Amino acid sequence: QVQLVESGGGLVQPGGSLRLSCAASGSIFNIDSMYWDRQAPGKQREWLATITQRNIATYTNSVKGRFTISRDNAKSTVYLQMNSLKPEDTAVYYCYADVRYDGRYWGKGTQVTVSA
């Protein structure tokens, strides 16, 4: 099993930046791709970014150029650097991971609020 814990959320003004972290523990050696998504109030969950074990990153169009996903395999942590934040980025942000021979695991989320 793998446990994922997000951190780094908070309140930020429009145009500001935040870096989210997601620390993995447990069977970390079997972690394959890692992801970030978010859920805004009253909206469906939205996939944001993926990073493979080989550090190939992909993004949804709405965050491309503003958000950067990265991972530090030595620390078993995935990051989401978020720049030029907008009020519509307000949501609970979740990380999740695909674990070989096991399945997909989710964190509990961290709240990001973008407001003046």
C-alpha atoms as a PDB file:
ATOM      1  CA  GLN A   1       0.000   0.000   0.000  1.00  0.00           C
ATOM      2  CA  VAL A   2       0.927   3.629  -0.484  1.00  0.00           C
ATOM      3  CA  GLN A   3      -0.087   6.640   1.568  1.00  0.00           C
ATOM      4  CA  LEU A   4      -0.129  10.106   0.017  1.00  0.00           C
ATOM      5  CA  VAL A   5      -0.237  13.353   1.996  1.00  0.00           C
ATOM      6  CA  GLU A   6      -0.629  16.723   0.312  1.00  0.00           C
ATOM      7  CA  SER A   7       0.548  20.004   1.775  1.00  0.00           C
ATOM      8  CA  GLY A   8       1.208  23.582   0.737  1.00  0.00           C
ATOM      9  CA  GLY A   9      -2.295  24.822   0.123  1.00  0.00           C
ATOM     10  CA  GLY A  10      -3.622  28.068   1.478  1.00  0.00           C
ATOM     11  CA  LEU A  11      -4.938  31.507   0.649  1.00  0.00           C
ATOM     12  CA  VAL A  12      -3.168  33.477  -2.067  1.00  0.00           C
ATOM     13  CA  GLN A  13      -3.967  36.645  -3.987  1.00  0.00           C
ATOM     14  CA  PRO A  14      -4.678  36.570  -7.714  1.00  0.00           C
ATOM     15  CA  GLY A  15      -1.427  36.517  -9.627  1.00  0.00           C
ATOM     16  CA  GLY A  16       0.373  34.832  -6.761  1.00  0.00           C
ATOM     17  CA  SER A  17       2.098  31.477  -6.525  1.00  0.00           C
ATOM     18  CA  LEU A  18       1.941  28.366  -4.404  1.00  0.00           C
ATOM     19  CA  ARG A  19       3.841  25.113  -4.424  1.00  0.00           C
ATOM     20  CA  LEU A  20       1.971  22.000  -3.433  1.00  0.00           C
ATOM     21  CA  SER A  21       3.757  18.909  -2.224  1.00  0.00           C
ATOM     22  CA  CYS A  22       2.587  15.328  -2.044  1.00  0.00           C
ATOM     23  CA  ALA A  23       4.686  12.968   0.027  1.00  0.00           C
ATOM     24  CA  ALA A  24       4.368   9.245  -0.509  1.00  0.00           C
ATOM     25  CA  SER A  25       5.104   6.520   1.996  1.00  0.00           C
ATOM     26  CA  GLY A  26       4.712   2.774   2.048  1.00  0.00           C
ATOM     27  CA  SER A  27       5.455   0.734  -1.070  1.00  0.00           C
ATOM     28  CA  ILE A  28       7.097   3.682  -2.805  1.00  0.00           C
ATOM     29  CA  PHE A  29       9.337   1.588  -5.024  1.00  0.00           C
ATOM     30  CA  ASN A  30       6.333   0.436  -7.016  1.00  0.00           C
ATOM     31  CA  ILE A  31       5.012   3.925  -7.726  1.00  0.00           C
ATOM     32  CA  ASP A  32       4.702   4.582 -11.445  1.00  0.00           C
ATOM     33  CA  SER A  33       2.982   7.733 -12.707  1.00  0.00           C
ATOM     34  CA  MET A  34       1.833  10.450 -10.340  1.00  0.00           C
ATOM     35  CA  TYR A  35      -0.895  12.995 -10.891  1.00  0.00           C
ATOM     36  CA  TRP A  36      -2.581  16.126  -9.637  1.00  0.00           C
ATOM     37  CA  ASP A  37      -6.205  16.975 -10.053  1.00  0.00           C
ATOM     38  CA  ARG A  38      -8.647  19.339  -8.361  1.00  0.00           C
ATOM     39  CA  GLN A  39     -12.261  19.779  -7.507  1.00  0.00           C
ATOM     40  CA  ALA A  40     -13.878  23.175  -7.259  1.00  0.00           C
ATOM     41  CA  PRO A  41     -17.162  23.663  -5.401  1.00  0.00           C
ATOM     42  CA  GLY A  42     -20.069  22.452  -7.494  1.00  0.00           C
ATOM     43  CA  LYS A  43     -17.812  21.221 -10.286  1.00  0.00           C
ATOM     44  CA  GLN A  44     -16.535  17.887 -11.469  1.00  0.00           C
ATOM     45  CA  ARG A  45     -13.053  16.754 -10.679  1.00  0.00           C
ATOM     46  CA  GLU A  46     -10.536  18.033 -13.192  1.00  0.00           C
ATOM     47  CA  TRP A  47      -7.284  16.324 -14.088  1.00  0.00           C
ATOM     48  CA  LEU A  48      -4.402  18.815 -14.127  1.00  0.00           C
ATOM     49  CA  ALA A  49      -1.092  17.113 -14.709  1.00  0.00           C
ATOM     50  CA  THR A  50       0.734  13.812 -14.900  1.00  0.00           C
ATOM     51  CA  ILE A  51       4.369  12.953 -14.458  1.00  0.00           C
ATOM     52  CA  THR A  52       5.727   9.556 -15.381  1.00  0.00           C
ATOM     53  CA  GLN A  53       8.497   7.692 -13.644  1.00  0.00           C
ATOM     54  CA  ARG A  54      10.782   8.972 -16.417  1.00  0.00           C
ATOM     55  CA  ASN A  55       9.729  12.559 -15.625  1.00  0.00           C
ATOM     56  CA  ILE A  56       7.630  13.066 -18.723  1.00  0.00           C
ATOM     57  CA  ALA A  57       5.010  15.673 -17.832  1.00  0.00           C
ATOM     58  CA  THR A  58       1.670  16.419 -19.426  1.00  0.00           C
ATOM     59  CA  TYR A  59      -0.885  19.090 -18.560  1.00  0.00           C
ATOM     60  CA  THR A  60      -4.455  20.053 -19.174  1.00  0.00           C
ATOM     61  CA  ASN A  61      -4.760  23.161 -21.325  1.00  0.00           C
ATOM     62  CA  SER A  62      -6.166  25.358 -18.571  1.00  0.00           C
ATOM     63  CA  VAL A  63      -2.946  25.190 -16.538  1.00  0.00           C
ATOM     64  CA  LYS A  64      -0.335  24.722 -19.264  1.00  0.00           C
ATOM     65  CA  GLY A  65       2.301  27.421 -18.938  1.00  0.00           C
ATOM     66  CA  ARG A  66       1.222  28.328 -15.394  1.00  0.00           C
ATOM     67  CA  PHE A  67       1.612  25.066 -13.460  1.00  0.00           C
ATOM     68  CA  THR A  68       4.615  22.772 -13.353  1.00  0.00           C
ATOM     69  CA  ILE A  69       4.591  19.215 -12.051  1.00  0.00           C
ATOM     70  CA  SER A  70       7.818  17.657 -10.855  1.00  0.00           C
ATOM     71  CA  ARG A  71       8.919  14.760  -8.727  1.00  0.00           C
ATOM     72  CA  ASP A  72      11.800  13.891  -6.478  1.00  0.00           C
ATOM     73  CA  ASN A  73      12.018  10.129  -6.409  1.00  0.00           C
ATOM     74  CA  ALA A  74      14.642  10.213  -3.664  1.00  0.00           C
ATOM     75  CA  LYS A  75      12.136  12.007  -1.432  1.00  0.00           C
ATOM     76  CA  SER A  76       9.121  10.116  -2.819  1.00  0.00           C
ATOM     77  CA  THR A  77       7.456  13.455  -3.372  1.00  0.00           C
ATOM     78  CA  VAL A  78       5.616  15.055  -6.259  1.00  0.00           C
ATOM     79  CA  TYR A  79       5.199  18.805  -6.514  1.00  0.00           C
ATOM     80  CA  LEU A  80       2.891  21.202  -8.273  1.00  0.00           C
ATOM     81  CA  GLN A  81       4.285  24.690  -8.733  1.00  0.00           C
ATOM     82  CA  MET A  82       1.394  27.022  -9.449  1.00  0.00           C
ATOM     83  CA  ASN A  83       2.047  30.507 -10.807  1.00  0.00           C
ATOM     84  CA  SER A  84      -0.216  33.312 -12.015  1.00  0.00           C
ATOM     85  CA  LEU A  85      -3.047  31.956  -9.928  1.00  0.00           C
ATOM     86  CA  LYS A  86      -6.592  32.997 -10.745  1.00  0.00           C
ATOM     87  CA  PRO A  87      -9.764  32.941  -8.647  1.00  0.00           C
ATOM     88  CA  GLU A  88     -11.012  30.073 -10.811  1.00  0.00           C
ATOM     89  CA  ASP A  89      -8.084  27.991  -9.566  1.00  0.00           C
ATOM     90  CA  THR A  90      -9.782  27.845  -6.169  1.00  0.00           C
ATOM     91  CA  ALA A  91     -10.358  24.179  -5.392  1.00  0.00           C
ATOM     92  CA  VAL A  92      -9.279  21.231  -3.333  1.00  0.00           C
ATOM     93  CA  TYR A  93      -6.160  19.802  -4.940  1.00  0.00           C
ATOM     94  CA  TYR A  94      -5.463  16.085  -4.828  1.00  0.00           C
ATOM     95  CA  CYS A  95      -2.490  13.996  -5.753  1.00  0.00           C
ATOM     96  CA  TYR A  96      -2.722  10.366  -6.720  1.00  0.00           C
ATOM     97  CA  ALA A  97      -0.392   7.651  -7.853  1.00  0.00           C
ATOM     98  CA  ASP A  98      -0.449   4.450  -9.843  1.00  0.00           C
ATOM     99  CA  VAL A  99       1.250   1.639  -7.987  1.00  0.00           C
ATOM    100  CA  ARG A 100       2.431  -1.367  -9.974  1.00  0.00           C
ATOM    101  CA  TYR A 101       0.736  -4.656  -9.126  1.00  0.00           C
ATOM    102  CA  ASP A 102      -1.609  -2.807  -6.805  1.00  0.00           C
ATOM    103  CA  GLY A 103      -3.724   0.052  -8.051  1.00  0.00           C
ATOM    104  CA  ARG A 104      -4.319   3.751  -7.679  1.00  0.00           C
ATOM    105  CA  TYR A 105      -4.000   5.632  -4.429  1.00  0.00           C
ATOM    106  CA  TRP A 106      -5.271   9.092  -3.518  1.00  0.00           C
ATOM    107  CA  GLY A 107      -4.364  11.719  -1.005  1.00  0.00           C
ATOM    108  CA  LYS A 108      -6.977  13.539   1.043  1.00  0.00           C
ATOM    109  CA  GLY A 109      -6.425  16.868  -0.640  1.00  0.00           C
ATOM    110  CA  THR A 110      -5.309  20.372   0.230  1.00  0.00           C
ATOM    111  CA  GLN A 111      -7.395  23.523  -0.135  1.00  0.00           C
ATOM    112  CA  VAL A 112      -6.215  26.318  -2.406  1.00  0.00           C
ATOM    113  CA  THR A 113      -8.110  29.589  -2.302  1.00  0.00           C
ATOM    114  CA  VAL A 114      -7.282  32.416  -4.687  1.00  0.00           C
ATOM    115  CA  SER A 115      -8.880  35.641  -3.548  1.00  0.00           C
ATOM    116  CA  ALA A 116      -8.101  39.278  -2.985  1.00  0.00           C
END
